[in-house]
Amino acid sequence: MSREQEIYQYSRMEIDSNMTKEQFRERLAQGKMILDGATGSNLQERGLPAGVCPEEWILENPDVLKELQIEYYAAGSDAVYAPTFFRKPN
């Protein structure tokens, strides 16, 4: 399978983005989980300027994050996180 086909396959996946803590614990009980990593660094490599709020930049550039997360799944990640480095509750 080509890299493009692999990325397309993962982009078509229905991903549960609302996993509860209990569901997460149940998944961990099944064995090791591979998580994403260095999301902020990878976003900077793809254009996120230093000093800019990542959440705002992602809202303006959602396809960059989507592509990065698809690549994490294609590389074998079981879960990916949303980058909320600067997010503060209201």
C-alpha atoms as a PDB file:
ATOM      1  CA  MET A   1       0.000   0.000   0.000  1.00  0.00           C
ATOM      2  CA  SER A   2       1.394   3.400  -0.929  1.00  0.00           C
ATOM      3  CA  ARG A   3       1.870   6.171   1.656  1.00  0.00           C
ATOM      4  CA  GLU A   4      -0.962   8.153   0.037  1.00  0.00           C
ATOM      5  CA  GLN A   5      -3.320   5.149   0.205  1.00  0.00           C
ATOM      6  CA  GLU A   6      -2.384   4.532   3.828  1.00  0.00           C
ATOM      7  CA  ILE A   7      -3.067   8.152   4.798  1.00  0.00           C
ATOM      8  CA  TYR A   8      -6.358   8.070   2.892  1.00  0.00           C
ATOM      9  CA  GLN A   9      -7.360   4.860   4.690  1.00  0.00           C
ATOM     10  CA  TYR A  10      -6.759   6.448   8.101  1.00  0.00           C
ATOM     11  CA  SER A  11      -8.466   9.690   7.074  1.00  0.00           C
ATOM     12  CA  ARG A  12     -11.655   7.703   6.415  1.00  0.00           C
ATOM     13  CA  MET A  13     -11.653   6.062   9.863  1.00  0.00           C
ATOM     14  CA  GLU A  14     -14.407   6.885  12.265  1.00  0.00           C
ATOM     15  CA  ILE A  15     -12.506   7.897  15.361  1.00  0.00           C
ATOM     16  CA  ASP A  16     -14.148   8.074  18.781  1.00  0.00           C
ATOM     17  CA  SER A  17     -13.145  11.487  20.006  1.00  0.00           C
ATOM     18  CA  ASN A  18     -15.178  11.243  23.198  1.00  0.00           C
ATOM     19  CA  MET A  19     -13.455   8.443  25.092  1.00  0.00           C
ATOM     20  CA  THR A  20     -14.359   8.514  28.772  1.00  0.00           C
ATOM     21  CA  LYS A  21     -11.858   7.895  31.546  1.00  0.00           C
ATOM     22  CA  GLU A  22     -13.460   4.496  32.143  1.00  0.00           C
ATOM     23  CA  GLN A  23     -13.150   3.566  28.450  1.00  0.00           C
ATOM     24  CA  PHE A  24      -9.526   4.690  28.533  1.00  0.00           C
ATOM     25  CA  ARG A  25      -8.842   2.508  31.584  1.00  0.00           C
ATOM     26  CA  GLU A  26     -10.534  -0.450  29.881  1.00  0.00           C
ATOM     27  CA  ARG A  27      -8.396   0.052  26.787  1.00  0.00           C
ATOM     28  CA  LEU A  28      -5.220   0.228  28.907  1.00  0.00           C
ATOM     29  CA  ALA A  29      -6.203  -3.022  30.623  1.00  0.00           C
ATOM     30  CA  GLN A  30      -5.966  -4.706  27.200  1.00  0.00           C
ATOM     31  CA  GLY A  31      -2.275  -3.896  26.932  1.00  0.00           C
ATOM     32  CA  LYS A  32       0.149  -1.167  26.028  1.00  0.00           C
ATOM     33  CA  MET A  33      -1.086   1.882  24.154  1.00  0.00           C
ATOM     34  CA  ILE A  34       0.984   3.850  21.679  1.00  0.00           C
ATOM     35  CA  LEU A  35       0.335   7.594  21.910  1.00  0.00           C
ATOM     36  CA  ASP A  36       1.317  10.439  19.663  1.00  0.00           C
ATOM     37  CA  GLY A  37       4.226  12.673  20.550  1.00  0.00           C
ATOM     38  CA  ALA A  38       5.826  16.022  19.843  1.00  0.00           C
ATOM     39  CA  THR A  39       2.631  17.480  18.408  1.00  0.00           C
ATOM     40  CA  GLY A  40       3.721  21.039  19.142  1.00  0.00           C
ATOM     41  CA  SER A  41       7.127  20.548  17.528  1.00  0.00           C
ATOM     42  CA  ASN A  42       5.548  18.946  14.473  1.00  0.00           C
ATOM     43  CA  LEU A  43       3.042  21.788  14.162  1.00  0.00           C
ATOM     44  CA  GLN A  44       5.929  24.281  14.304  1.00  0.00           C
ATOM     45  CA  GLU A  45       7.659  22.379  11.504  1.00  0.00           C
ATOM     46  CA  ARG A  46       4.423  22.775   9.505  1.00  0.00           C
ATOM     47  CA  GLY A  47       4.095  26.502  10.011  1.00  0.00           C
ATOM     48  CA  LEU A  48       2.980  27.268  13.582  1.00  0.00           C
ATOM     49  CA  PRO A  49       4.963  30.416  14.464  1.00  0.00           C
ATOM     50  CA  ALA A  50       6.765  30.567  17.820  1.00  0.00           C
ATOM     51  CA  GLY A  51       4.837  32.571  20.389  1.00  0.00           C
ATOM     52  CA  VAL A  52       1.470  32.104  18.700  1.00  0.00           C
ATOM     53  CA  CYS A  53      -1.355  30.418  20.606  1.00  0.00           C
ATOM     54  CA  PRO A  54      -1.570  26.894  19.091  1.00  0.00           C
ATOM     55  CA  GLU A  55      -5.328  26.629  19.596  1.00  0.00           C
ATOM     56  CA  GLU A  56      -5.981  29.819  17.624  1.00  0.00           C
ATOM     57  CA  TRP A  57      -3.556  28.814  14.871  1.00  0.00           C
ATOM     58  CA  ILE A  58      -5.194  25.384  14.590  1.00  0.00           C
ATOM     59  CA  LEU A  59      -8.624  26.989  14.261  1.00  0.00           C
ATOM     60  CA  GLU A  60      -7.221  28.912  11.295  1.00  0.00           C
ATOM     61  CA  ASN A  61      -5.320  25.884   9.901  1.00  0.00           C
ATOM     62  CA  PRO A  62      -7.377  22.783  10.825  1.00  0.00           C
ATOM     63  CA  ASP A  63      -6.129  20.652   7.923  1.00  0.00           C
ATOM     64  CA  VAL A  64      -2.559  20.797   9.243  1.00  0.00           C
ATOM     65  CA  LEU A  65      -3.602  19.191  12.543  1.00  0.00           C
ATOM     66  CA  LYS A  66      -5.877  16.677  10.827  1.00  0.00           C
ATOM     67  CA  GLU A  67      -3.070  15.545   8.514  1.00  0.00           C
ATOM     68  CA  LEU A  68      -0.642  15.251  11.427  1.00  0.00           C
ATOM     69  CA  GLN A  69      -3.082  13.159  13.462  1.00  0.00           C
ATOM     70  CA  ILE A  70      -3.768  10.911  10.469  1.00  0.00           C
ATOM     71  CA  GLU A  71      -0.025  10.381  10.145  1.00  0.00           C
ATOM     72  CA  TYR A  72       0.191   9.414  13.829  1.00  0.00           C
ATOM     73  CA  TYR A  73      -2.523   6.781  13.336  1.00  0.00           C
ATOM     74  CA  ALA A  74      -0.838   5.541  10.159  1.00  0.00           C
ATOM     75  CA  ALA A  75       2.422   5.203  12.104  1.00  0.00           C
ATOM     76  CA  GLY A  76       0.712   3.002  14.697  1.00  0.00           C
ATOM     77  CA  SER A  77      -0.579   5.342  17.397  1.00  0.00           C
ATOM     78  CA  ASP A  78      -3.577   4.024  19.281  1.00  0.00           C
ATOM     79  CA  ALA A  79      -4.546   7.501  20.468  1.00  0.00           C
ATOM     80  CA  VAL A  80      -3.737  11.113  19.680  1.00  0.00           C
ATOM     81  CA  TYR A  81      -4.196  14.168  21.844  1.00  0.00           C
ATOM     82  CA  ALA A  82      -5.499  17.591  20.962  1.00  0.00           C
ATOM     83  CA  PRO A  83      -2.818  20.217  21.551  1.00  0.00           C
ATOM     84  CA  THR A  84      -4.220  22.432  24.277  1.00  0.00           C
ATOM     85  CA  PHE A  85      -0.996  23.940  25.571  1.00  0.00           C
ATOM     86  CA  PHE A  86      -2.378  27.376  26.378  1.00  0.00           C
ATOM     87  CA  ARG A  87      -6.083  26.639  26.848  1.00  0.00           C
ATOM     88  CA  LYS A  88      -7.492  27.900  30.136  1.00  0.00           C
ATOM     89  CA  PRO A  89     -11.025  27.368  31.397  1.00  0.00           C
ATOM     90  CA  ASN A  90     -13.276  30.413  31.320  1.00  0.00           C
END
